[in-house]
Amino acid sequence: MRFPLALTTKIAAYIIGQKLRGTKKSPPVLQLSRSTPATSLVRDSDGFAIFHLAPRTMMTLEDCLGAAEECNAPMISICGGEPLIYPHIEALVQGLLEQKRIIYICTNAMFMRKKMREWMASQLSIQPKFVEDKIGELIGAGLITDKDAAELRKGPKDPNKPTIGPSRWMYWNVHLDGLERIHDLIVEREGGFQRMHSRN
C-alpha cells in the first residue's frame, strides 16, 4: 500500500464529509512554508554549512498554527527550504498533532538523524531499555558512532525542550535535490546524498 491505511481513511473521511456538506472547494493539504527562501549561510568550525533564517522572513509559531486552523486541511506538509532549521519546529509539530493533523515534514535529511537522536535522548529516563537496545542496534548497523552513543546516554541537553517523536500521524518525506554531485552541492555537505540512502 502506498499510504498507511489510517492516513488514507482520514483523508477519505474528510473528502466525503466535505462533499456531503456541499462544500465546493476544500483543500485536503496545506503546504506550510514557514519561511521564504531567504537564508544566510555561514560555516561552522568544521567547515559545515549552517543556515540562519532572517527573523523578518520567518513565520511565527502562532502564525503557522493559525494558518492550519484557518485552512482546516487534515494534512499539513511542512516545507520551504529545510524545515528542520526552523527554531520552533518541535513546537510546531506538537501543536499540529494537538490539532489532530496529519503531518509531512519535507526534508533533505541533513538534520533528521539529529532530531531523531534528540528524541531518543529524551526517552532515556522513560524507556532506558528501549534506548539502550536501539543504541546497540544503531552502532551495529554503523549508523551512529561510539561518540554519538555516549552523547545519547547523557540524556537530553534541555529536558524541557520538546522533541519530534514517532507518531502514526507524522511522516518524514525525504527528498533529493538531484543526483549525488548536485545534491551534495546544494546542501553543501559532501556525503549527504549517501547518508540519505543509508538506513535511518
Protein backbone atom coordinates (compact mmCIF):
# COMPACT_ATOMS: atom_id res chain seq x y z
CA MET A 1 0.00 0.00 0.00
CA ARG A 2 1.39 3.40 -0.98
CA PHE A 3 -0.02 5.24 2.05
CA PRO A 4 -0.81 3.91 5.53
CA LEU A 5 -4.44 2.84 5.94
CA ALA A 6 -5.06 5.30 8.83
CA LEU A 7 -3.89 8.23 6.68
CA THR A 8 -5.95 7.12 3.66
CA THR A 9 -9.05 6.63 5.82
CA LYS A 10 -8.72 10.05 7.48
CA ILE A 11 -8.30 11.88 4.15
CA ALA A 12 -11.17 9.91 2.57
CA ALA A 13 -13.47 10.71 5.51
CA TYR A 14 -12.61 14.42 5.17
CA ILE A 15 -13.31 14.47 1.42
CA ILE A 16 -16.60 12.55 1.79
CA GLY A 17 -17.66 14.84 4.66
CA GLN A 18 -16.98 17.95 2.56
CA LYS A 19 -18.93 16.51 -0.40
CA LEU A 20 -21.91 15.67 1.84
CA ARG A 21 -21.90 19.24 3.20
CA GLY A 22 -21.89 20.58 -0.36
CA THR A 23 -18.56 22.35 0.06
CA LYS A 24 -17.29 23.22 -3.43
CA LYS A 25 -13.64 23.76 -2.53
CA SER A 26 -11.95 22.03 0.36
CA PRO A 27 -8.16 21.61 0.34
CA PRO A 28 -7.05 18.24 1.71
CA VAL A 29 -3.44 19.51 2.16
CA LEU A 30 -1.96 22.77 3.40
CA GLN A 31 1.59 23.34 2.17
CA LEU A 32 3.03 25.27 5.08
CA SER A 33 6.21 27.11 4.14
CA ARG A 34 7.28 28.59 7.46
CA SER A 35 9.76 30.96 5.80
CA THR A 36 10.72 32.46 2.47
CA PRO A 37 13.81 31.00 0.78
CA ALA A 38 15.92 33.93 2.03
CA THR A 39 18.56 32.45 4.30
CA SER A 40 22.08 33.41 5.19
CA LEU A 41 24.82 30.82 5.05
CA VAL A 42 27.82 30.61 7.35
CA ARG A 43 30.27 27.83 8.05
CA ASP A 44 30.99 26.32 11.46
CA SER A 45 34.47 25.47 12.72
CA ASP A 46 34.38 22.11 10.89
CA GLY A 47 33.52 23.77 7.59
CA PHE A 48 29.91 22.57 7.57
CA ALA A 49 27.23 24.89 6.24
CA ILE A 50 24.86 26.35 8.81
CA PHE A 51 21.76 28.18 7.63
CA HIS A 52 20.27 31.10 9.53
CA LEU A 53 16.79 32.38 8.80
CA ALA A 54 16.45 36.14 8.91
CA PRO A 55 13.73 36.90 11.51
CA ARG A 56 11.74 39.06 9.08
CA THR A 57 11.36 36.14 6.67
CA MET A 58 10.12 33.68 9.27
CA MET A 59 6.51 32.95 10.18
CA THR A 60 5.90 32.89 13.90
CA LEU A 61 4.80 29.67 15.56
CA GLU A 62 1.41 31.28 16.24
CA ASP A 63 1.02 32.23 12.55
CA CYS A 64 1.86 28.69 11.44
CA LEU A 65 -0.64 27.12 13.82
CA GLY A 66 -3.21 29.80 12.96
CA ALA A 67 -2.82 29.08 9.23
CA ALA A 68 -3.50 25.38 9.88
CA GLU A 69 -6.62 26.24 11.90
CA GLU A 70 -7.88 28.68 9.26
CA CYS A 71 -7.33 26.32 6.34
CA ASN A 72 -8.58 23.32 8.34
CA ALA A 73 -7.00 20.82 5.93
CA PRO A 74 -6.48 17.40 7.52
CA MET A 75 -2.91 17.15 6.20
CA ILE A 76 -0.10 19.68 6.63
CA SER A 77 3.06 19.48 4.54
CA ILE A 78 5.82 21.44 6.31
CA CYS A 79 8.22 22.55 3.60
CA GLY A 80 10.02 25.63 2.30
CA GLY A 81 13.79 25.41 2.36
CA GLU A 82 14.82 22.99 5.09
CA PRO A 83 12.06 22.86 7.75
CA LEU A 84 14.30 21.33 10.42
CA ILE A 85 16.23 24.61 10.72
CA TYR A 86 13.05 26.39 11.82
CA PRO A 87 13.71 27.21 15.50
CA HIS A 88 10.18 26.21 16.59
CA ILE A 89 9.86 23.02 14.51
CA GLU A 90 9.32 20.76 17.54
CA ALA A 91 6.61 23.02 18.98
CA LEU A 92 5.04 23.33 15.52
CA VAL A 93 4.83 19.56 15.10
CA GLN A 94 3.45 19.19 18.64
CA GLY A 95 0.86 21.93 18.02
CA LEU A 96 -0.28 20.39 14.73
CA LEU A 97 -0.60 16.97 16.35
CA GLU A 98 -2.74 18.56 19.08
CA GLN A 99 -4.93 19.94 16.25
CA LYS A 100 -5.22 16.32 15.04
CA ARG A 101 -3.48 16.98 11.70
CA ILE A 102 -1.53 14.55 9.56
CA ILE A 103 1.98 15.97 9.21
CA TYR A 104 4.54 15.50 6.47
CA ILE A 105 7.97 17.03 7.13
CA CYS A 106 9.60 17.53 3.72
CA THR A 107 13.33 17.44 4.39
CA ASN A 108 16.64 16.80 2.66
CA ALA A 109 17.55 14.75 5.78
CA MET A 110 20.57 16.86 6.78
CA PHE A 111 19.24 17.26 10.33
CA MET A 112 16.77 14.36 10.51
CA ARG A 113 19.06 11.99 12.40
CA LYS A 114 19.96 14.76 14.85
CA LYS A 115 16.26 15.27 15.58
CA MET A 116 15.77 11.51 15.99
CA ARG A 117 18.73 11.33 18.39
CA GLU A 118 17.28 14.22 20.41
CA TRP A 119 14.04 12.26 20.79
CA MET A 120 15.93 9.10 21.82
CA ALA A 121 17.90 11.07 24.44
CA SER A 122 14.61 12.44 25.81
CA GLN A 123 13.36 8.85 26.26
CA LEU A 124 16.36 7.69 28.32
CA SER A 125 14.67 8.24 31.69
CA ILE A 126 11.31 6.90 30.42
CA GLN A 127 12.36 3.84 28.39
CA PRO A 128 16.01 3.09 29.29
CA LYS A 129 15.97 -0.48 27.93
CA PHE A 130 14.46 0.61 24.62
CA VAL A 131 17.10 3.35 24.22
CA GLU A 132 19.99 1.00 25.08
CA ASP A 133 18.70 -1.66 22.68
CA LYS A 134 18.29 0.96 19.93
CA ILE A 135 21.80 2.36 20.56
CA GLY A 136 23.24 -1.16 20.20
CA GLU A 137 21.28 -1.72 17.00
CA LEU A 138 22.39 1.63 15.50
CA ILE A 139 26.06 1.07 16.40
CA GLY A 140 25.88 -2.44 14.90
CA ALA A 141 24.47 -1.02 11.65
CA GLY A 142 27.14 1.70 11.54
CA LEU A 143 24.54 4.47 11.76
CA ILE A 144 25.96 6.11 14.87
CA THR A 145 29.44 6.26 16.34
CA ASP A 146 30.54 5.46 19.89
CA LYS A 147 30.79 9.22 20.42
CA ASP A 148 27.13 9.63 19.32
CA ALA A 149 26.15 6.80 21.71
CA ALA A 150 27.97 8.47 24.61
CA GLU A 151 26.10 11.71 23.90
CA LEU A 152 22.77 9.87 23.80
CA ARG A 153 23.48 8.22 27.16
CA LYS A 154 23.92 11.67 28.75
CA GLY A 155 20.23 12.31 28.15
CA PRO A 156 18.67 15.47 26.72
CA LYS A 157 20.62 18.74 26.83
CA ASP A 158 17.40 20.57 27.73
CA PRO A 159 14.80 18.25 29.32
CA ASN A 160 12.08 20.91 28.84
CA LYS A 161 12.61 21.25 25.09
CA PRO A 162 10.02 19.35 23.02
CA THR A 163 11.29 16.76 20.55
CA ILE A 164 9.90 15.20 17.38
CA GLY A 165 8.96 11.65 18.28
CA PRO A 166 7.30 8.82 16.39
CA SER A 167 3.60 9.20 15.73
CA ARG A 168 1.14 7.43 13.47
CA TRP A 169 0.21 10.92 12.19
CA MET A 170 3.71 12.29 11.47
CA TYR A 171 5.81 11.26 8.47
CA TRP A 172 9.28 12.11 7.19
CA ASN A 173 9.22 12.94 3.47
CA VAL A 174 12.89 12.84 2.39
CA HIS A 175 13.69 14.40 -0.96
CA LEU A 176 16.74 14.54 -3.20
CA ASP A 177 17.91 17.80 -4.73
CA GLY A 178 19.42 15.95 -7.71
CA LEU A 179 21.90 13.17 -8.25
CA GLU A 180 24.83 12.77 -5.84
CA ARG A 181 27.07 15.62 -7.00
CA ILE A 182 24.22 18.14 -7.38
CA HIS A 183 22.55 17.17 -4.09
CA ASP A 184 25.82 17.48 -2.14
CA LEU A 185 26.48 20.88 -3.76
CA ILE A 186 23.02 22.16 -2.86
CA VAL A 187 23.14 21.01 0.77
CA GLU A 188 26.85 21.98 0.90
CA ARG A 189 27.78 18.75 2.62
CA GLU A 190 29.85 16.07 0.94
CA GLY A 191 28.36 12.63 1.56
CA GLY A 192 24.84 14.00 2.19
CA PHE A 193 23.42 12.03 -0.74
CA GLN A 194 24.98 8.78 0.54
CA ARG A 195 23.72 9.39 4.10
CA MET A 196 20.20 9.79 2.74
CA HIS A 197 20.42 6.35 1.15
CA SER A 198 21.59 4.59 4.30
CA ARG A 199 19.01 3.19 6.72
CA ASN A 200 17.69 5.66 9.29
